[in-house]
Amino acid sequence: MSTNGNGSSHKASDLNSEINVTPMVDIMLVMLIIFMVVTPLIQSGVSVALPKGLNPDEDANITKDTAVVVSIPFAGSYHVGRDPVTRDNMIKTIETRMKGLREGDPKVVYIRGGVGVPYGEIVDVIDFIQKAGYDEIGLVADKLKPGEQ
């Protein structure tokens, strides 16, 4: 035993200079679970099984909140952003979203057509968009991963 200047005694084993990481690990695991649950929910748009290509050009603008994205997950189902629309009000919805773009934002309408959607239906949507006066149209595809065909 040793004594310090004020008369109290301490054992050498009473002092612990190690960091207790258990609370930090608990917090990190909870945060990991939260991010794993929330991440799929913050995807922009509707879930669509996209066609795959060898070298699709990557456009970072499609992931912005202001991007105008028409999704066709299957034949007869249309969404602008996350909002379901009909063929009749699709153009009005696109025009409203295009007017809401800021000055520097690209004036592109992106189309995410599902793998099982008939080609003619995609062409009809392109025609609707062009008749509304928007000529910049982007077709969205996924990139093939190594080993995929």
N, C-alpha and C. Protein backbone atom coordinates (compact mmCIF):
# COMPACT_ATOMS: atom_id res chain seq x y z
N MET A 1 0.82 -1.18 0.00
CA MET A 1 0.00 0.00 0.00
C MET A 1 0.86 1.24 0.00
N SER A 2 0.30 2.26 -0.62
CA SER A 2 1.01 3.53 -0.61
C SER A 2 0.07 4.61 -0.11
N THR A 3 0.63 5.64 0.40
CA THR A 3 -0.18 6.75 0.88
C THR A 3 0.18 7.99 0.10
N ASN A 4 -0.83 8.81 -0.15
CA ASN A 4 -0.54 10.07 -0.82
C ASN A 4 -0.47 11.18 0.22
N GLY A 5 -0.32 12.37 -0.20
CA GLY A 5 -0.08 13.49 0.70
C GLY A 5 -1.19 13.78 1.68
N ASN A 6 -2.44 13.43 1.41
CA ASN A 6 -3.53 13.77 2.32
C ASN A 6 -3.89 12.62 3.26
N GLY A 7 -3.13 11.56 3.27
CA GLY A 7 -3.30 10.50 4.25
C GLY A 7 -4.16 9.34 3.78
N SER A 8 -4.73 9.38 2.62
CA SER A 8 -5.54 8.25 2.15
C SER A 8 -4.65 7.26 1.44
N SER A 9 -5.05 6.00 1.45
CA SER A 9 -4.23 4.97 0.82
C SER A 9 -4.95 4.39 -0.40
N HIS A 10 -4.18 3.97 -1.42
CA HIS A 10 -4.71 3.36 -2.64
C HIS A 10 -3.95 2.10 -2.93
N LYS A 11 -4.65 1.11 -3.39
CA LYS A 11 -3.99 -0.07 -3.90
C LYS A 11 -3.67 0.17 -5.36
N ALA A 12 -2.64 -0.44 -5.86
CA ALA A 12 -2.27 -0.29 -7.27
C ALA A 12 -3.34 -0.86 -8.18
N SER A 13 -4.11 -1.86 -7.72
CA SER A 13 -5.14 -2.48 -8.55
C SER A 13 -6.42 -1.64 -8.62
N ASP A 14 -6.59 -0.62 -7.78
CA ASP A 14 -7.78 0.22 -7.81
C ASP A 14 -7.81 1.12 -9.04
N LEU A 15 -6.69 1.45 -9.59
CA LEU A 15 -6.65 2.35 -10.74
C LEU A 15 -6.69 1.54 -12.03
N ASN A 16 -7.52 1.99 -12.97
CA ASN A 16 -7.65 1.30 -14.25
C ASN A 16 -7.44 2.33 -15.35
N SER A 17 -6.38 2.16 -16.08
CA SER A 17 -6.08 3.13 -17.13
C SER A 17 -6.50 2.66 -18.52
N GLU A 18 -7.25 1.56 -18.63
CA GLU A 18 -7.71 1.06 -19.92
C GLU A 18 -9.04 1.72 -20.31
N ILE A 19 -9.22 1.90 -21.59
CA ILE A 19 -10.45 2.50 -22.09
C ILE A 19 -11.52 1.41 -22.22
N ASN A 20 -12.70 1.69 -21.72
CA ASN A 20 -13.80 0.74 -21.82
C ASN A 20 -14.51 0.98 -23.16
N VAL A 21 -14.33 0.07 -24.10
CA VAL A 21 -14.89 0.27 -25.44
C VAL A 21 -16.26 -0.37 -25.62
N THR A 22 -16.76 -1.07 -24.65
CA THR A 22 -18.06 -1.74 -24.78
C THR A 22 -19.19 -0.76 -25.12
N PRO A 23 -19.34 0.37 -24.44
CA PRO A 23 -20.42 1.29 -24.82
C PRO A 23 -20.26 1.82 -26.25
N MET A 24 -19.02 2.05 -26.67
CA MET A 24 -18.79 2.55 -28.03
C MET A 24 -19.18 1.49 -29.06
N VAL A 25 -18.87 0.23 -28.81
CA VAL A 25 -19.23 -0.85 -29.72
C VAL A 25 -20.74 -0.99 -29.79
N ASP A 26 -21.42 -0.87 -28.66
CA ASP A 26 -22.87 -0.95 -28.65
C ASP A 26 -23.50 0.15 -29.50
N ILE A 27 -22.99 1.36 -29.37
CA ILE A 27 -23.51 2.48 -30.15
C ILE A 27 -23.25 2.27 -31.63
N MET A 28 -22.08 1.79 -31.98
CA MET A 28 -21.75 1.56 -33.40
C MET A 28 -22.64 0.47 -34.01
N LEU A 29 -22.92 -0.59 -33.27
CA LEU A 29 -23.79 -1.64 -33.78
C LEU A 29 -25.21 -1.13 -34.00
N VAL A 30 -25.72 -0.32 -33.07
CA VAL A 30 -27.05 0.26 -33.24
C VAL A 30 -27.08 1.17 -34.46
N MET A 31 -26.05 1.97 -34.65
CA MET A 31 -26.00 2.87 -35.81
C MET A 31 -25.92 2.06 -37.10
N LEU A 32 -25.16 0.98 -37.12
CA LEU A 32 -25.07 0.12 -38.30
C LEU A 32 -26.44 -0.44 -38.65
N ILE A 33 -27.17 -0.92 -37.67
CA ILE A 33 -28.51 -1.47 -37.91
C ILE A 33 -29.43 -0.39 -38.45
N ILE A 34 -29.38 0.81 -37.88
CA ILE A 34 -30.22 1.91 -38.35
C ILE A 34 -29.91 2.24 -39.80
N PHE A 35 -28.63 2.34 -40.16
CA PHE A 35 -28.27 2.65 -41.54
C PHE A 35 -28.67 1.54 -42.50
N MET A 36 -28.58 0.29 -42.05
CA MET A 36 -28.97 -0.82 -42.91
C MET A 36 -30.47 -0.81 -43.19
N VAL A 37 -31.26 -0.36 -42.24
CA VAL A 37 -32.70 -0.31 -42.42
C VAL A 37 -33.11 0.91 -43.23
N VAL A 38 -32.48 2.05 -43.00
CA VAL A 38 -32.88 3.31 -43.62
C VAL A 38 -32.37 3.44 -45.06
N THR A 39 -31.22 2.90 -45.39
CA THR A 39 -30.62 3.10 -46.71
C THR A 39 -31.53 2.69 -47.85
N PRO A 40 -32.18 1.53 -47.83
CA PRO A 40 -33.07 1.20 -48.95
C PRO A 40 -34.27 2.15 -49.06
N LEU A 41 -34.64 2.77 -47.96
CA LEU A 41 -35.79 3.66 -47.98
C LEU A 41 -35.49 5.00 -48.62
N ILE A 42 -34.20 5.40 -48.66
CA ILE A 42 -33.87 6.72 -49.20
C ILE A 42 -33.49 6.66 -50.67
N GLN A 43 -33.67 5.51 -51.30
CA GLN A 43 -33.42 5.44 -52.74
C GLN A 43 -34.42 6.33 -53.43
N SER A 44 -33.94 7.03 -54.44
CA SER A 44 -34.86 7.90 -55.16
C SER A 44 -35.63 7.08 -56.17
N GLY A 45 -36.93 7.28 -56.19
CA GLY A 45 -37.76 6.61 -57.18
C GLY A 45 -38.26 5.26 -56.73
N VAL A 46 -38.75 4.55 -57.70
CA VAL A 46 -39.39 3.26 -57.50
C VAL A 46 -38.40 2.17 -57.86
N SER A 47 -38.53 1.03 -57.22
CA SER A 47 -37.64 -0.08 -57.50
C SER A 47 -37.97 -0.67 -58.88
N VAL A 48 -36.96 -0.69 -59.76
CA VAL A 48 -37.12 -1.17 -61.12
C VAL A 48 -35.96 -2.10 -61.44
N ALA A 49 -36.27 -3.27 -62.02
CA ALA A 49 -35.21 -4.18 -62.48
C ALA A 49 -34.70 -3.64 -63.81
N LEU A 50 -33.59 -2.91 -63.77
CA LEU A 50 -33.07 -2.23 -64.95
C LEU A 50 -32.33 -3.19 -65.87
N PRO A 51 -32.36 -2.92 -67.17
CA PRO A 51 -31.53 -3.70 -68.09
C PRO A 51 -30.06 -3.40 -67.83
N LYS A 52 -29.20 -4.33 -68.20
CA LYS A 52 -27.77 -4.16 -67.95
C LYS A 52 -27.03 -4.02 -69.27
N GLY A 53 -26.00 -3.18 -69.25
CA GLY A 53 -25.19 -2.94 -70.44
C GLY A 53 -23.72 -2.98 -70.09
N LEU A 54 -22.89 -3.04 -71.13
CA LEU A 54 -21.44 -3.12 -70.90
C LEU A 54 -20.87 -1.82 -70.39
N ASN A 55 -21.18 -0.71 -71.03
CA ASN A 55 -20.59 0.57 -70.65
C ASN A 55 -21.62 1.69 -70.60
N PRO A 56 -22.63 1.60 -69.74
CA PRO A 56 -23.55 2.74 -69.66
C PRO A 56 -22.83 3.94 -69.05
N ASP A 57 -23.06 5.11 -69.63
CA ASP A 57 -22.46 6.33 -69.11
C ASP A 57 -23.10 6.67 -67.77
N GLU A 58 -22.25 7.04 -66.81
CA GLU A 58 -22.76 7.41 -65.50
C GLU A 58 -23.08 8.89 -65.48
N ASP A 59 -24.28 9.21 -65.02
CA ASP A 59 -24.71 10.59 -64.90
C ASP A 59 -25.07 10.84 -63.44
N ALA A 60 -24.26 11.64 -62.79
CA ALA A 60 -24.47 11.91 -61.35
C ALA A 60 -25.74 12.70 -61.09
N ASN A 61 -26.29 13.35 -62.11
CA ASN A 61 -27.48 14.18 -61.91
C ASN A 61 -28.73 13.36 -61.61
N ILE A 62 -28.74 12.08 -62.00
CA ILE A 62 -29.94 11.28 -61.78
C ILE A 62 -30.20 11.01 -60.30
N THR A 63 -29.19 11.06 -59.48
CA THR A 63 -29.36 10.80 -58.05
C THR A 63 -29.77 12.03 -57.26
N LYS A 64 -29.80 13.18 -57.89
CA LYS A 64 -30.21 14.40 -57.19
C LYS A 64 -31.71 14.37 -56.92
N ASP A 65 -32.10 15.06 -55.86
CA ASP A 65 -33.52 15.14 -55.50
C ASP A 65 -34.34 15.86 -56.56
N THR A 66 -33.70 16.75 -57.30
CA THR A 66 -34.41 17.55 -58.29
C THR A 66 -34.55 16.85 -59.64
N ALA A 67 -33.93 15.69 -59.83
CA ALA A 67 -33.98 15.00 -61.11
C ALA A 67 -35.41 14.56 -61.42
N VAL A 68 -35.78 14.68 -62.68
CA VAL A 68 -37.10 14.25 -63.14
C VAL A 68 -36.92 12.85 -63.73
N VAL A 69 -37.45 11.85 -63.00
CA VAL A 69 -37.25 10.45 -63.38
C VAL A 69 -38.61 9.79 -63.58
N VAL A 70 -38.82 9.24 -64.78
CA VAL A 70 -40.03 8.47 -65.07
C VAL A 70 -39.65 7.00 -64.94
N SER A 71 -40.32 6.29 -64.04
CA SER A 71 -40.04 4.87 -63.83
C SER A 71 -41.20 4.04 -64.36
N ILE A 72 -40.85 2.96 -65.06
CA ILE A 72 -41.85 2.03 -65.57
C ILE A 72 -41.42 0.64 -65.08
N PRO A 73 -41.83 0.25 -63.87
CA PRO A 73 -41.39 -1.04 -63.33
C PRO A 73 -41.95 -2.24 -64.09
N PHE A 74 -43.17 -2.11 -64.59
CA PHE A 74 -43.78 -3.15 -65.42
C PHE A 74 -44.81 -2.50 -66.32
N ALA A 75 -45.26 -3.22 -67.32
CA ALA A 75 -46.16 -2.66 -68.33
C ALA A 75 -47.42 -2.08 -67.67
N GLY A 76 -47.72 -0.84 -68.03
CA GLY A 76 -48.93 -0.18 -67.53
C GLY A 76 -48.76 0.56 -66.22
N SER A 77 -47.61 0.50 -65.59
CA SER A 77 -47.36 1.17 -64.32
C SER A 77 -46.34 2.28 -64.54
N TYR A 78 -46.72 3.51 -64.20
CA TYR A 78 -45.86 4.68 -64.42
C TYR A 78 -45.71 5.44 -63.11
N HIS A 79 -44.48 5.93 -62.89
CA HIS A 79 -44.19 6.76 -61.73
C HIS A 79 -43.30 7.91 -62.17
N VAL A 80 -43.57 9.08 -61.64
CA VAL A 80 -42.67 10.22 -61.81
C VAL A 80 -42.12 10.49 -60.42
N GLY A 81 -40.82 10.23 -60.27
CA GLY A 81 -40.23 10.23 -58.93
C GLY A 81 -40.78 9.02 -58.19
N ARG A 82 -41.39 9.25 -57.04
CA ARG A 82 -42.04 8.16 -56.29
C ARG A 82 -43.56 8.18 -56.48
N ASP A 83 -44.08 9.19 -57.16
CA ASP A 83 -45.52 9.35 -57.29
C ASP A 83 -46.07 8.54 -58.46
N PRO A 84 -47.07 7.68 -58.22
CA PRO A 84 -47.69 6.96 -59.34
C PRO A 84 -48.51 7.93 -60.19
N VAL A 85 -48.42 7.77 -61.50
CA VAL A 85 -49.17 8.62 -62.43
C VAL A 85 -49.81 7.73 -63.50
N THR A 86 -50.79 8.30 -64.19
CA THR A 86 -51.39 7.61 -65.33
C THR A 86 -50.77 8.18 -66.60
N ARG A 87 -51.04 7.53 -67.71
CA ARG A 87 -50.52 8.05 -68.99
C ARG A 87 -51.09 9.43 -69.28
N ASP A 88 -52.32 9.68 -68.83
CA ASP A 88 -52.98 10.95 -69.12
C ASP A 88 -52.37 12.12 -68.36
N ASN A 89 -51.98 11.92 -67.11
CA ASN A 89 -51.44 13.06 -66.34
C ASN A 89 -49.92 13.01 -66.20
N MET A 90 -49.26 12.11 -66.93
CA MET A 90 -47.80 12.01 -66.84
C MET A 90 -47.12 13.28 -67.32
N ILE A 91 -47.53 13.81 -68.46
CA ILE A 91 -46.89 15.01 -69.03
C ILE A 91 -47.10 16.21 -68.12
N LYS A 92 -48.31 16.36 -67.57
CA LYS A 92 -48.56 17.49 -66.67
C LYS A 92 -47.66 17.40 -65.43
N THR A 93 -47.47 16.19 -64.91
CA THR A 93 -46.59 16.00 -63.75
C THR A 93 -45.14 16.30 -64.10
N ILE A 94 -44.70 15.86 -65.28
CA ILE A 94 -43.33 16.13 -65.72
C ILE A 94 -43.12 17.63 -65.90
N GLU A 95 -44.09 18.31 -66.54
CA GLU A 95 -43.98 19.76 -66.74
C GLU A 95 -43.88 20.49 -65.40
N THR A 96 -44.67 20.07 -64.43
CA THR A 96 -44.63 20.71 -63.10
C THR A 96 -43.26 20.53 -62.46
N ARG A 97 -42.71 19.33 -62.57
CA ARG A 97 -41.38 19.08 -61.98
C ARG A 97 -40.28 19.83 -62.73
N MET A 98 -40.41 19.92 -64.05
CA MET A 98 -39.39 20.63 -64.83
C MET A 98 -39.41 22.13 -64.51
N LYS A 99 -40.58 22.68 -64.27
CA LYS A 99 -40.67 24.10 -63.90
C LYS A 99 -40.06 24.36 -62.53
N GLY A 100 -40.03 23.35 -61.68
CA GLY A 100 -39.46 23.48 -60.34
C GLY A 100 -37.95 23.38 -60.29
N LEU A 101 -37.31 23.07 -61.43
CA LEU A 101 -35.85 22.97 -61.45
C LEU A 101 -35.20 24.34 -61.29
N ARG A 102 -34.04 24.35 -60.67
CA ARG A 102 -33.30 25.60 -60.53
C ARG A 102 -32.57 25.94 -61.82
N GLU A 103 -31.97 27.11 -61.87
CA GLU A 103 -31.32 27.62 -63.08
C GLU A 103 -30.19 26.71 -63.57
N GLY A 104 -29.36 26.20 -62.69
CA GLY A 104 -28.21 25.41 -63.11
C GLY A 104 -28.49 23.93 -63.31
N ASP A 105 -29.68 23.48 -62.93
CA ASP A 105 -30.00 22.06 -63.04
C ASP A 105 -30.19 21.66 -64.50
N PRO A 106 -29.75 20.45 -64.87
CA PRO A 106 -29.94 20.00 -66.26
C PRO A 106 -31.42 19.74 -66.52
N LYS A 107 -31.86 20.06 -67.71
CA LYS A 107 -33.26 19.88 -68.12
C LYS A 107 -33.41 18.54 -68.82
N VAL A 108 -33.13 17.46 -68.10
CA VAL A 108 -33.17 16.10 -68.65
C VAL A 108 -34.28 15.33 -67.96
N VAL A 109 -35.02 14.56 -68.75
CA VAL A 109 -36.00 13.63 -68.21
C VAL A 109 -35.40 12.23 -68.34
N TYR A 110 -35.23 11.55 -67.22
CA TYR A 110 -34.64 10.22 -67.22
C TYR A 110 -35.75 9.17 -67.23
N ILE A 111 -35.54 8.10 -67.99
CA ILE A 111 -36.52 7.01 -68.06
C ILE A 111 -35.86 5.75 -67.53
N ARG A 112 -36.49 5.17 -66.53
CA ARG A 112 -36.04 3.89 -65.95
C ARG A 112 -37.06 2.84 -66.32
N GLY A 113 -36.82 2.12 -67.39
CA GLY A 113 -37.74 1.09 -67.85
C GLY A 113 -37.29 -0.27 -67.38
N GLY A 114 -38.22 -1.05 -66.84
CA GLY A 114 -37.91 -2.38 -66.36
C GLY A 114 -37.58 -3.34 -67.49
N VAL A 115 -36.93 -4.43 -67.13
CA VAL A 115 -36.49 -5.42 -68.11
C VAL A 115 -37.68 -6.03 -68.85
N GLY A 116 -38.79 -6.26 -68.17
CA GLY A 116 -39.95 -6.91 -68.78
C GLY A 116 -40.91 -5.97 -69.48
N VAL A 117 -40.61 -4.68 -69.49
CA VAL A 117 -41.51 -3.70 -70.11
C VAL A 117 -41.33 -3.77 -71.63
N PRO A 118 -42.45 -3.87 -72.38
CA PRO A 118 -42.34 -3.91 -73.84
C PRO A 118 -41.67 -2.64 -74.38
N TYR A 119 -40.86 -2.83 -75.40
CA TYR A 119 -40.12 -1.73 -76.01
C TYR A 119 -41.05 -0.62 -76.50
N GLY A 120 -42.19 -1.00 -77.06
CA GLY A 120 -43.15 -0.02 -77.57
C GLY A 120 -43.66 0.92 -76.49
N GLU A 121 -43.77 0.42 -75.28
CA GLU A 121 -44.25 1.26 -74.18
C GLU A 121 -43.20 2.31 -73.80
N ILE A 122 -41.95 1.94 -73.84
CA ILE A 122 -40.86 2.91 -73.59
C ILE A 122 -40.87 3.97 -74.68
N VAL A 123 -41.04 3.55 -75.93
CA VAL A 123 -41.08 4.50 -77.05
C VAL A 123 -42.26 5.45 -76.91
N ASP A 124 -43.42 4.95 -76.47
CA ASP A 124 -44.58 5.82 -76.25
C ASP A 124 -44.28 6.89 -75.21
N VAL A 125 -43.59 6.52 -74.12
CA VAL A 125 -43.25 7.50 -73.08
C VAL A 125 -42.27 8.53 -73.65
N ILE A 126 -41.32 8.09 -74.46
CA ILE A 126 -40.38 9.03 -75.09
C ILE A 126 -41.15 10.00 -75.99
N ASP A 127 -42.12 9.49 -76.74
CA ASP A 127 -42.95 10.36 -77.60
C ASP A 127 -43.72 11.37 -76.78
N PHE A 128 -44.31 10.95 -75.64
CA PHE A 128 -45.04 11.88 -74.77
C PHE A 128 -44.13 13.00 -74.32
N ILE A 129 -42.92 12.64 -73.90
CA ILE A 129 -41.99 13.64 -73.38
C ILE A 129 -41.55 14.60 -74.48
N GLN A 130 -41.30 14.08 -75.68
CA GLN A 130 -40.90 14.95 -76.79
C GLN A 130 -42.04 15.86 -77.23
N LYS A 131 -43.27 15.37 -77.23
CA LYS A 131 -44.43 16.21 -77.59
C LYS A 131 -44.64 17.32 -76.57
N ALA A 132 -44.21 17.09 -75.34
CA ALA A 132 -44.31 18.13 -74.31
C ALA A 132 -43.22 19.19 -74.46
N GLY A 133 -42.26 18.95 -75.36
CA GLY A 133 -41.24 19.95 -75.63
C GLY A 133 -39.90 19.70 -74.95
N TYR A 134 -39.69 18.52 -74.41
CA TYR A 134 -38.43 18.21 -73.76
C TYR A 134 -37.66 17.23 -74.63
N ASP A 135 -36.50 17.69 -75.12
CA ASP A 135 -35.72 16.89 -76.06
C ASP A 135 -34.59 16.11 -75.41
N GLU A 136 -34.17 16.50 -74.22
CA GLU A 136 -33.09 15.79 -73.55
C GLU A 136 -33.69 14.67 -72.69
N ILE A 137 -33.46 13.45 -73.15
CA ILE A 137 -34.02 12.27 -72.49
C ILE A 137 -32.88 11.30 -72.21
N GLY A 138 -32.83 10.79 -71.01
CA GLY A 138 -31.80 9.81 -70.64
C GLY A 138 -32.43 8.48 -70.32
N LEU A 139 -31.94 7.41 -70.95
CA LEU A 139 -32.39 6.06 -70.64
C LEU A 139 -31.43 5.45 -69.64
N VAL A 140 -31.95 4.93 -68.56
CA VAL A 140 -31.13 4.47 -67.46
C VAL A 140 -30.92 2.96 -67.56
N ALA A 141 -29.66 2.52 -67.39
CA ALA A 141 -29.30 1.10 -67.37
C ALA A 141 -28.26 0.87 -66.29
N ASP A 142 -28.20 -0.36 -65.81
CA ASP A 142 -27.17 -0.76 -64.86
C ASP A 142 -25.95 -1.27 -65.60
N LYS A 143 -24.81 -1.21 -64.94
CA LYS A 143 -23.58 -1.73 -65.54
C LYS A 143 -23.42 -3.21 -65.21
N LEU A 144 -23.01 -3.97 -66.19
CA LEU A 144 -22.75 -5.39 -65.97
C LEU A 144 -21.57 -5.55 -65.02
N LYS A 145 -21.73 -6.42 -64.05
CA LYS A 145 -20.63 -6.71 -63.13
C LYS A 145 -19.78 -7.81 -63.76
N PRO A 146 -18.53 -7.90 -63.37
CA PRO A 146 -17.67 -8.96 -63.93
C PRO A 146 -18.28 -10.34 -63.67
N GLY A 147 -18.35 -11.14 -64.71
CA GLY A 147 -18.91 -12.49 -64.60
C GLY A 147 -20.37 -12.58 -64.93
N GLU A 148 -21.06 -11.43 -65.07
CA GLU A 148 -22.48 -11.44 -65.44
C GLU A 148 -22.64 -11.43 -66.95
N GLN A 149 -23.76 -11.93 -67.40
CA GLN A 149 -24.07 -11.88 -68.83
C GLN A 149 -25.45 -11.36 -69.04
